[in-house]
Amino acid sequence: MRISQNTRDLWAVQYRDCAAEPIDLDSDRARFILHTHAAHGGGCLPYLAAMAYSFGTEV
């Protein structure tokens, strides 16, 4: 699925805080979060939540 620039910008703002766990994940949002938070390490809650979501679904 192709995500529009406006959507990416919105998600960048919504998921910028590494201390806030996202609650409204779907496969596109999980991929976006994994990409944008990849280098943040194990203390980054969005990355951990997106990884857990990805392992729990067939993408």
N, C-alpha and C. Protein backbone atom coordinates (compact mmCIF):
# COMPACT_ATOMS: atom_id res chain seq x y z
N MET A 1 0.84 -1.18 0.00
CA MET A 1 0.00 0.00 0.00
C MET A 1 0.89 1.24 0.00
N ARG A 2 0.52 2.22 -0.77
CA ARG A 2 1.26 3.47 -0.85
C ARG A 2 0.61 4.48 0.11
N ILE A 3 1.42 5.04 0.99
CA ILE A 3 0.94 6.00 1.98
C ILE A 3 1.26 7.41 1.49
N SER A 4 0.28 8.30 1.58
CA SER A 4 0.47 9.67 1.12
C SER A 4 1.43 10.43 2.04
N GLN A 5 2.04 11.48 1.51
CA GLN A 5 2.95 12.31 2.29
C GLN A 5 2.23 12.92 3.49
N ASN A 6 0.98 13.33 3.30
CA ASN A 6 0.22 13.90 4.41
C ASN A 6 0.03 12.90 5.54
N THR A 7 -0.25 11.67 5.19
CA THR A 7 -0.41 10.62 6.20
C THR A 7 0.90 10.35 6.91
N ARG A 8 2.00 10.27 6.15
CA ARG A 8 3.31 10.06 6.78
C ARG A 8 3.65 11.20 7.73
N ASP A 9 3.36 12.43 7.32
CA ASP A 9 3.62 13.58 8.19
C ASP A 9 2.79 13.50 9.48
N LEU A 10 1.52 13.12 9.34
CA LEU A 10 0.65 12.98 10.51
C LEU A 10 1.18 11.90 11.45
N TRP A 11 1.54 10.74 10.90
CA TRP A 11 2.07 9.66 11.72
C TRP A 11 3.39 10.05 12.37
N ALA A 12 4.23 10.80 11.68
CA ALA A 12 5.50 11.25 12.25
C ALA A 12 5.27 12.07 13.51
N VAL A 13 4.22 12.88 13.50
CA VAL A 13 3.89 13.69 14.68
C VAL A 13 3.26 12.81 15.77
N GLN A 14 2.35 11.94 15.38
CA GLN A 14 1.63 11.10 16.36
C GLN A 14 2.56 10.12 17.07
N TYR A 15 3.57 9.60 16.38
CA TYR A 15 4.40 8.54 16.93
C TYR A 15 5.83 8.99 17.20
N ARG A 16 6.04 10.27 17.45
CA ARG A 16 7.41 10.76 17.63
C ARG A 16 7.97 10.49 19.02
N ASP A 17 7.13 10.31 20.02
CA ASP A 17 7.57 10.16 21.41
C ASP A 17 7.90 8.70 21.72
N CYS A 18 9.17 8.44 22.02
CA CYS A 18 9.61 7.08 22.32
C CYS A 18 9.09 6.57 23.67
N ALA A 19 8.51 7.43 24.48
CA ALA A 19 7.99 7.01 25.78
C ALA A 19 6.50 6.70 25.74
N ALA A 20 5.86 6.91 24.59
CA ALA A 20 4.41 6.69 24.47
C ALA A 20 4.14 5.48 23.58
N GLU A 21 3.47 4.49 24.15
CA GLU A 21 3.15 3.29 23.38
C GLU A 21 1.95 3.56 22.47
N PRO A 22 2.08 3.25 21.18
CA PRO A 22 0.94 3.44 20.27
C PRO A 22 -0.14 2.40 20.54
N ILE A 23 -1.40 2.82 20.42
CA ILE A 23 -2.50 1.89 20.72
C ILE A 23 -3.34 1.56 19.48
N ASP A 24 -3.12 2.27 18.39
CA ASP A 24 -3.97 2.10 17.21
C ASP A 24 -3.20 1.55 16.02
N LEU A 25 -2.45 0.48 16.24
CA LEU A 25 -1.59 -0.05 15.18
C LEU A 25 -2.36 -0.87 14.15
N ASP A 26 -1.91 -0.76 12.93
CA ASP A 26 -2.26 -1.68 11.86
C ASP A 26 -0.96 -1.98 11.14
N SER A 27 -0.98 -2.81 10.12
CA SER A 27 0.28 -3.23 9.50
C SER A 27 1.04 -2.07 8.85
N ASP A 28 0.34 -1.11 8.24
CA ASP A 28 1.02 0.03 7.63
C ASP A 28 1.67 0.92 8.68
N ARG A 29 0.96 1.17 9.75
CA ARG A 29 1.53 2.01 10.82
C ARG A 29 2.69 1.31 11.50
N ALA A 30 2.57 0.01 11.71
CA ALA A 30 3.66 -0.74 12.32
C ALA A 30 4.91 -0.67 11.45
N ARG A 31 4.77 -0.83 10.15
CA ARG A 31 5.93 -0.72 9.25
C ARG A 31 6.54 0.66 9.30
N PHE A 32 5.70 1.69 9.32
CA PHE A 32 6.18 3.06 9.40
C PHE A 32 6.98 3.28 10.69
N ILE A 33 6.43 2.83 11.80
CA ILE A 33 7.10 3.00 13.09
C ILE A 33 8.41 2.22 13.13
N LEU A 34 8.41 1.00 12.62
CA LEU A 34 9.64 0.21 12.59
C LEU A 34 10.72 0.93 11.80
N HIS A 35 10.34 1.54 10.71
CA HIS A 35 11.30 2.26 9.88
C HIS A 35 11.82 3.52 10.58
N THR A 36 10.94 4.29 11.17
CA THR A 36 11.35 5.58 11.73
C THR A 36 12.02 5.46 13.10
N HIS A 37 11.76 4.39 13.84
CA HIS A 37 12.33 4.24 15.18
C HIS A 37 13.38 3.13 15.25
N ALA A 38 13.84 2.64 14.11
CA ALA A 38 14.73 1.48 14.06
C ALA A 38 16.01 1.64 14.88
N ALA A 39 16.60 2.80 14.93
CA ALA A 39 17.89 2.98 15.60
C ALA A 39 17.74 3.46 17.05
N HIS A 40 16.55 3.45 17.59
CA HIS A 40 16.33 4.03 18.91
C HIS A 40 16.62 3.07 20.05
N GLY A 41 16.71 1.81 19.81
CA GLY A 41 17.04 0.86 20.86
C GLY A 41 15.83 0.29 21.57
N GLY A 42 16.11 -0.56 22.55
CA GLY A 42 15.07 -1.30 23.26
C GLY A 42 14.20 -0.49 24.20
N GLY A 43 14.56 0.75 24.47
CA GLY A 43 13.74 1.58 25.34
C GLY A 43 12.68 2.37 24.60
N CYS A 44 12.59 2.19 23.30
CA CYS A 44 11.64 2.93 22.47
C CYS A 44 10.33 2.14 22.39
N LEU A 45 9.32 2.62 23.10
CA LEU A 45 8.04 1.89 23.17
C LEU A 45 7.34 1.75 21.82
N PRO A 46 7.33 2.78 20.96
CA PRO A 46 6.69 2.59 19.65
C PRO A 46 7.36 1.47 18.84
N TYR A 47 8.68 1.41 18.89
CA TYR A 47 9.39 0.37 18.15
C TYR A 47 9.04 -1.02 18.70
N LEU A 48 9.05 -1.16 20.02
CA LEU A 48 8.73 -2.45 20.62
C LEU A 48 7.30 -2.87 20.32
N ALA A 49 6.36 -1.92 20.39
CA ALA A 49 4.96 -2.23 20.10
C ALA A 49 4.77 -2.63 18.64
N ALA A 50 5.44 -1.91 17.74
CA ALA A 50 5.33 -2.23 16.32
C ALA A 50 5.95 -3.58 16.01
N MET A 51 7.06 -3.90 16.67
CA MET A 51 7.71 -5.20 16.47
C MET A 51 6.78 -6.31 16.97
N ALA A 52 6.20 -6.13 18.15
CA ALA A 52 5.29 -7.13 18.70
C ALA A 52 4.07 -7.29 17.80
N TYR A 53 3.53 -6.19 17.30
CA TYR A 53 2.39 -6.27 16.39
C TYR A 53 2.77 -7.04 15.13
N SER A 54 3.94 -6.75 14.59
CA SER A 54 4.38 -7.40 13.35
C SER A 54 4.56 -8.90 13.53
N PHE A 55 5.07 -9.31 14.69
CA PHE A 55 5.25 -10.73 14.94
C PHE A 55 3.92 -11.44 15.18
N GLY A 56 2.90 -10.68 15.59
CA GLY A 56 1.60 -11.27 15.88
C GLY A 56 0.65 -11.32 14.70
N THR A 57 1.06 -10.76 13.56
CA THR A 57 0.20 -10.75 12.38
C THR A 57 0.97 -11.26 11.17
N GLU A 58 0.25 -11.72 10.20
CA GLU A 58 0.87 -12.10 8.93
C GLU A 58 0.83 -10.88 8.03
N VAL A 59 2.00 -10.39 7.66
CA VAL A 59 2.09 -9.18 6.84
C VAL A 59 2.32 -9.55 5.40
